[in-house]
Amino acid sequence: MRDHTCGVTATGRVGCWGYPGSGRTAPPTMAFSHVAVGDDHSCGIRADGTEECWGNTTSSWGVAPAGTFTQVSAGFQHTCWLKANGTADCKGDNTYGQITAPAGPFVQIEAGSYHTCGVTTLGDVDCWGQNLNGRAEDQDGDFLSVSAGESHSCAVRTNGTVHCWGYNDFGQTDTPPGLYQQVSAGLNHNCGVKTDGTVYCWGYNNFGQATAPAGTYTQVGAGSSHSCGLKTDGTIHCWGLDSSDKATDPAGTFVELRVGRSHNCGVKADGTVYCWGHSVDGQLWLPLPN
């Protein structure tokens, strides 16, 4: 996020690339099962459930708590960890209460900009933090996953429908038609993969970022002014504003896709990483090999 990127290789090793200063040091060379990238820090969960952070560890959001965890999500100046018992342990900036997590228990958590949301074991969505335009309102229902955007949030119900809430100046919280397997909340628009593999986007569309392409996809990501999707044949297609080539389709086939505000990264079948887009801080530099 912002000026560096981290990824987990096929062998479980973590590699980071990007801006080489500001305390963004290389992570320890040990196997991780999960990795998260925040504003100026990164965190990983080892195979035994213990946790470690690297980067800007002078700030509280980059210092891992003691214990074992199943998930970590890094947001803007705060980080949340999910324990095996479903409780959330958050650290960092608490100006708006974004690290004061409710009891849960949770099956998934996601740290956004100034708010955090989690799916409880009962299927409800609990949110905490800055409730600007209702983006941190709790949602009753039967949900599978939640995605926290810049000023709004979206979640997929167990029946495949999508529900969004928060800021709606561009229609980004309108209910999209159809059933979905995945949804991504961006800056002012969203994109989702329907159960039939087609993509539907809605919200702000000044650069065509919400004009969904044809074809079938397994994953989609909504950025700020562009979007990208991983097609069923393994190729990646992007659309929207192509500043710094962030919406230019990369060559090759991929198994995973991550879409950021101004750059993207994909993991190829052989475990190598390819990134494209804005690179003023070196966020396109490739990580260490396996």
Protein backbone atom coordinates (compact mmCIF):
# COMPACT_ATOMS: atom_id res chain seq x y z
CA MET A 1 0.00 0.00 0.00
CA ARG A 2 1.21 3.50 -0.92
CA ASP A 3 5.01 3.13 -1.30
CA HIS A 4 5.89 -0.53 -0.92
CA THR A 5 4.52 -3.99 -1.67
CA CYS A 6 5.00 -7.40 -0.05
CA GLY A 7 4.07 -10.89 -1.17
CA VAL A 8 4.32 -14.51 -0.10
CA THR A 9 6.26 -16.76 -2.48
CA ALA A 10 5.33 -20.33 -3.36
CA THR A 11 7.73 -21.61 -0.69
CA GLY A 12 6.25 -19.45 2.05
CA ARG A 13 8.97 -16.83 1.99
CA VAL A 14 8.07 -13.14 2.20
CA GLY A 15 9.64 -10.67 -0.21
CA CYS A 16 9.17 -6.89 -0.18
CA TRP A 17 9.93 -4.26 -2.80
CA GLY A 18 9.45 -0.55 -3.05
CA TYR A 19 10.83 2.55 -1.38
CA PRO A 20 14.09 1.45 0.29
CA GLY A 21 14.15 4.08 3.03
CA SER A 22 11.92 5.22 5.87
CA GLY A 23 12.58 2.10 7.92
CA ARG A 24 10.97 -0.29 5.46
CA THR A 25 13.39 -3.11 6.16
CA ALA A 26 13.32 -6.61 4.67
CA PRO A 27 11.16 -9.12 6.55
CA PRO A 28 12.61 -12.16 8.33
CA THR A 29 13.30 -15.11 5.98
CA MET A 30 10.85 -17.59 7.48
CA ALA A 31 7.68 -19.22 6.20
CA PHE A 32 4.44 -17.27 6.50
CA SER A 33 0.91 -18.42 5.87
CA HIS A 34 -0.56 -14.93 5.48
CA VAL A 35 0.70 -11.43 4.75
CA ALA A 36 -0.90 -7.96 4.88
CA VAL A 37 0.36 -4.59 3.66
CA GLY A 38 -0.57 -1.34 5.37
CA ASP A 39 0.24 2.32 4.89
CA ASP A 40 3.91 2.14 5.91
CA HIS A 41 4.28 -1.32 7.42
CA SER A 42 3.66 -4.99 6.70
CA CYS A 43 2.76 -7.96 8.89
CA GLY A 44 2.85 -11.70 8.40
CA ILE A 45 1.53 -14.76 10.21
CA ARG A 46 3.86 -17.73 10.49
CA ALA A 47 2.75 -21.33 10.03
CA ASP A 48 2.56 -21.71 13.83
CA GLY A 49 0.21 -18.72 14.12
CA THR A 50 2.72 -16.30 15.63
CA GLU A 51 3.01 -12.86 14.11
CA GLU A 52 5.69 -10.36 13.13
CA CYS A 53 5.67 -6.93 11.51
CA TRP A 54 8.37 -5.08 9.59
CA GLY A 55 8.70 -1.63 8.05
CA ASN A 56 7.69 1.37 10.15
CA THR A 57 7.82 -0.51 13.44
CA THR A 58 8.42 2.72 15.39
CA SER A 59 4.65 3.26 15.28
CA SER A 60 2.25 1.18 17.33
CA TRP A 61 0.42 -0.19 14.29
CA GLY A 62 3.64 -1.88 13.15
CA VAL A 63 4.34 -3.69 16.42
CA ALA A 64 2.77 -7.13 16.55
CA PRO A 65 0.98 -8.23 19.72
CA ALA A 66 1.94 -11.42 21.52
CA GLY A 67 -0.01 -14.59 20.85
CA THR A 68 -1.11 -16.65 17.88
CA PHE A 69 -3.37 -15.49 15.06
CA THR A 70 -5.25 -16.73 12.00
CA GLN A 71 -5.55 -13.48 10.04
CA VAL A 72 -4.10 -9.97 9.87
CA SER A 73 -5.45 -6.90 8.06
CA ALA A 74 -3.46 -3.67 7.77
CA GLY A 75 -5.30 -0.41 7.16
CA PHE A 76 -4.41 3.26 7.31
CA GLN A 77 -2.32 3.71 10.48
CA HIS A 78 -3.97 0.78 12.23
CA THR A 79 -3.73 -3.00 12.10
CA CYS A 80 -6.08 -5.73 13.30
CA TRP A 81 -5.24 -9.34 14.07
CA LEU A 82 -7.74 -12.20 14.35
CA LYS A 83 -7.12 -14.84 17.02
CA ALA A 84 -8.11 -18.49 16.76
CA ASN A 85 -10.97 -17.87 19.20
CA GLY A 86 -12.40 -15.22 16.87
CA THR A 87 -11.50 -12.14 18.90
CA ALA A 88 -9.85 -9.16 17.21
CA ASP A 89 -6.74 -7.44 18.58
CA CYS A 90 -6.16 -4.04 16.94
CA LYS A 91 -3.34 -1.52 17.42
CA GLY A 92 -2.54 1.92 16.03
CA ASP A 93 -4.33 5.23 15.61
CA ASN A 94 -7.57 5.25 17.58
CA THR A 95 -8.77 8.78 16.83
CA TYR A 96 -12.13 7.45 15.70
CA GLY A 97 -12.18 4.20 17.69
CA GLN A 98 -11.03 2.13 14.71
CA ILE A 99 -8.93 -0.15 16.95
CA THR A 100 -11.56 -0.56 19.67
CA ALA A 101 -12.94 -3.86 18.41
CA PRO A 102 -16.21 -5.33 19.68
CA ALA A 103 -16.30 -8.77 21.25
CA GLY A 104 -17.15 -10.71 18.09
CA PRO A 105 -16.29 -13.51 17.62
CA PHE A 106 -15.31 -12.98 13.97
CA VAL A 107 -14.54 -15.20 11.00
CA GLN A 108 -13.08 -12.35 8.91
CA ILE A 109 -11.87 -8.80 9.60
CA GLU A 110 -10.80 -5.98 7.31
CA ALA A 111 -9.15 -2.70 8.28
CA GLY A 112 -10.14 0.20 6.03
CA SER A 113 -9.08 3.82 6.04
CA TYR A 114 -10.55 5.11 9.32
CA HIS A 115 -12.90 2.23 10.02
CA THR A 116 -12.78 -1.54 10.42
CA CYS A 117 -15.39 -4.20 9.72
CA GLY A 118 -15.66 -7.88 10.56
CA VAL A 119 -18.00 -10.76 9.78
CA THR A 120 -19.15 -12.45 13.01
CA THR A 121 -19.68 -16.17 13.51
CA LEU A 122 -23.42 -15.43 13.37
CA GLY A 123 -23.01 -13.91 9.89
CA ASP A 124 -23.57 -10.29 10.92
CA VAL A 125 -21.15 -7.49 10.00
CA ASP A 126 -19.87 -5.42 12.92
CA CYS A 127 -18.00 -2.18 12.11
CA TRP A 128 -16.14 0.28 14.30
CA GLY A 129 -14.32 3.56 13.77
CA GLN A 130 -15.24 6.75 11.93
CA ASN A 131 -18.86 6.44 10.87
CA LEU A 132 -18.73 9.06 8.13
CA ASN A 133 -21.93 8.79 6.07
CA GLY A 134 -22.71 5.49 7.79
CA ARG A 135 -19.76 3.49 6.42
CA ALA A 136 -19.18 1.94 9.89
CA GLU A 137 -22.80 1.02 10.61
CA ASP A 138 -23.36 -2.57 11.81
CA GLN A 139 -25.21 -4.77 9.33
CA ASP A 140 -27.52 -7.59 10.38
CA GLY A 141 -27.82 -10.51 8.04
CA ASP A 142 -26.14 -13.65 6.82
CA PHE A 143 -22.83 -12.56 5.27
CA LEU A 144 -19.80 -14.45 3.96
CA SER A 145 -17.25 -11.66 3.43
CA VAL A 146 -16.81 -7.90 3.74
CA SER A 147 -14.73 -5.37 1.77
CA ALA A 148 -13.94 -1.95 3.25
CA GLY A 149 -13.59 0.85 0.70
CA GLU A 150 -12.49 4.43 1.14
CA SER A 151 -15.80 5.88 2.35
CA HIS A 152 -18.14 2.92 2.01
CA SER A 153 -18.23 -0.83 2.58
CA CYS A 154 -19.69 -3.82 0.74
CA ALA A 155 -20.41 -7.40 1.79
CA VAL A 156 -21.51 -10.61 0.08
CA ARG A 157 -24.41 -12.50 1.67
CA THR A 158 -24.56 -16.30 1.82
CA ASN A 159 -27.27 -16.19 -0.86
CA GLY A 160 -24.89 -14.36 -3.23
CA THR A 161 -26.49 -10.92 -3.08
CA VAL A 162 -24.34 -7.85 -2.35
CA HIS A 163 -25.15 -5.17 0.20
CA CYS A 164 -23.23 -1.87 0.40
CA TRP A 165 -23.49 1.05 2.81
CA GLY A 166 -21.83 4.40 3.46
CA TYR A 167 -21.13 7.35 1.16
CA ASN A 168 -23.31 7.17 -1.95
CA ASP A 169 -22.59 10.29 -3.99
CA PHE A 170 -21.89 8.20 -7.12
CA GLY A 171 -24.24 5.30 -6.52
CA GLN A 172 -21.50 3.09 -5.10
CA THR A 173 -23.79 1.76 -2.38
CA ASP A 174 -26.65 0.93 -4.75
CA THR A 175 -27.56 -2.77 -4.82
CA PRO A 176 -26.08 -4.44 -7.92
CA PRO A 177 -28.16 -6.96 -9.87
CA GLY A 178 -27.40 -10.68 -9.78
CA LEU A 179 -25.57 -13.06 -7.47
CA TYR A 180 -21.87 -12.77 -6.61
CA GLN A 181 -18.95 -14.83 -5.38
CA GLN A 182 -16.63 -11.88 -4.67
CA VAL A 183 -16.84 -8.09 -4.39
CA SER A 184 -14.21 -5.35 -4.12
CA ALA A 185 -14.95 -1.86 -2.77
CA GLY A 186 -12.70 0.83 -4.24
CA LEU A 187 -12.41 4.58 -3.86
CA ASN A 188 -15.79 5.57 -5.34
CA HIS A 189 -16.76 2.46 -7.28
CA ASN A 190 -17.05 -1.29 -6.83
CA CYS A 191 -16.62 -4.37 -8.96
CA GLY A 192 -17.80 -7.89 -8.32
CA VAL A 193 -17.52 -11.34 -9.86
CA LYS A 194 -20.92 -12.95 -10.35
CA THR A 195 -21.53 -16.64 -9.75
CA ASP A 196 -21.41 -17.20 -13.53
CA GLY A 197 -17.95 -15.58 -13.72
CA THR A 198 -19.02 -12.34 -15.39
CA VAL A 199 -18.02 -8.97 -13.90
CA TYR A 200 -20.33 -6.14 -12.92
CA CYS A 201 -19.14 -2.72 -11.73
CA TRP A 202 -21.03 0.28 -10.40
CA GLY A 203 -20.34 3.75 -8.98
CA TYR A 204 -18.09 6.57 -10.22
CA ASN A 205 -17.23 6.02 -13.87
CA ASN A 206 -15.45 9.16 -15.04
CA PHE A 207 -12.59 7.14 -16.57
CA GLY A 208 -14.50 3.99 -17.45
CA GLN A 209 -13.36 2.16 -14.30
CA ALA A 210 -16.93 0.96 -13.73
CA THR A 211 -17.50 -0.18 -17.34
CA ALA A 212 -17.16 -3.93 -16.90
CA PRO A 213 -15.58 -5.93 -19.73
CA ALA A 214 -16.93 -9.06 -21.36
CA GLY A 215 -15.60 -12.52 -20.53
CA THR A 216 -15.43 -14.66 -17.42
CA TYR A 217 -13.29 -13.97 -14.37
CA THR A 218 -12.26 -15.56 -11.07
CA GLN A 219 -11.22 -12.37 -9.25
CA VAL A 220 -11.63 -8.62 -9.61
CA GLY A 221 -10.19 -5.58 -7.87
CA ALA A 222 -11.45 -1.98 -7.75
CA GLY A 223 -8.79 0.72 -7.37
CA SER A 224 -9.18 4.49 -7.44
CA SER A 225 -9.69 5.29 -11.15
CA HIS A 226 -9.10 1.84 -12.68
CA SER A 227 -10.04 -1.80 -12.20
CA CYS A 228 -8.45 -5.13 -13.09
CA GLY A 229 -9.73 -8.68 -13.30
CA LEU A 230 -8.18 -12.14 -13.41
CA LYS A 231 -9.79 -14.07 -16.26
CA THR A 232 -10.57 -17.76 -16.15
CA ASP A 233 -7.77 -18.43 -18.65
CA GLY A 234 -5.23 -16.85 -16.26
CA THR A 235 -4.71 -13.60 -18.16
CA ILE A 236 -5.34 -10.20 -16.58
CA HIS A 237 -7.43 -7.45 -18.14
CA CYS A 238 -7.58 -3.88 -16.78
CA TRP A 239 -9.82 -0.93 -17.62
CA GLY A 240 -10.17 2.72 -16.63
CA LEU A 241 -7.58 5.50 -16.36
CA ASP A 242 -4.26 4.26 -17.75
CA SER A 243 -1.95 6.78 -16.06
CA SER A 244 1.51 5.24 -15.51
CA ASP A 245 0.25 2.17 -17.43
CA LYS A 246 -1.69 0.95 -14.39
CA ALA A 247 -4.58 -0.09 -16.65
CA THR A 248 -2.34 -1.75 -19.26
CA ASP A 249 -2.82 -5.51 -19.50
CA PRO A 250 0.31 -7.39 -18.37
CA ALA A 251 1.69 -10.26 -20.42
CA GLY A 252 1.56 -13.84 -19.18
CA THR A 253 -0.83 -15.89 -17.08
CA PHE A 254 -1.51 -15.42 -13.38
CA VAL A 255 -3.08 -17.18 -10.41
CA GLU A 256 -3.62 -14.15 -8.16
CA LEU A 257 -4.29 -10.43 -8.58
CA ARG A 258 -4.02 -7.43 -6.26
CA VAL A 259 -5.24 -3.99 -7.36
CA GLY A 260 -4.03 -0.84 -5.58
CA ARG A 261 -4.73 2.85 -5.88
CA SER A 262 -2.10 3.44 -8.58
CA HIS A 263 -0.34 0.14 -9.21
CA ASN A 264 -1.14 -3.58 -9.39
CA CYS A 265 0.66 -6.86 -8.77
CA GLY A 266 -0.02 -10.41 -9.91
CA VAL A 267 1.38 -13.80 -8.97
CA LYS A 268 2.17 -16.13 -11.85
CA ALA A 269 1.76 -19.88 -11.81
CA ASP A 270 5.49 -20.40 -11.14
CA GLY A 271 5.32 -18.16 -8.04
CA THR A 272 7.05 -15.16 -9.60
CA VAL A 273 5.52 -11.70 -9.13
CA TYR A 274 4.94 -9.08 -11.79
CA CYS A 275 3.85 -5.52 -10.97
CA TRP A 276 2.86 -2.61 -13.18
CA GLY A 277 1.70 0.99 -12.82
CA HIS A 278 2.98 3.95 -10.80
CA SER A 279 6.56 3.44 -9.55
CA VAL A 280 7.73 6.71 -8.05
CA ASP A 281 8.56 4.94 -4.78
CA GLY A 282 9.87 1.73 -6.35
CA GLN A 283 6.74 -0.30 -5.66
CA LEU A 284 7.27 -2.17 -8.92
CA TRP A 285 10.63 -3.59 -7.88
CA LEU A 286 10.37 -7.36 -7.80
CA PRO A 287 10.67 -9.25 -4.51
CA LEU A 288 13.42 -11.69 -3.64
CA PRO A 289 13.26 -14.97 -5.58
CA ASN A 290 12.04 -18.18 -3.96
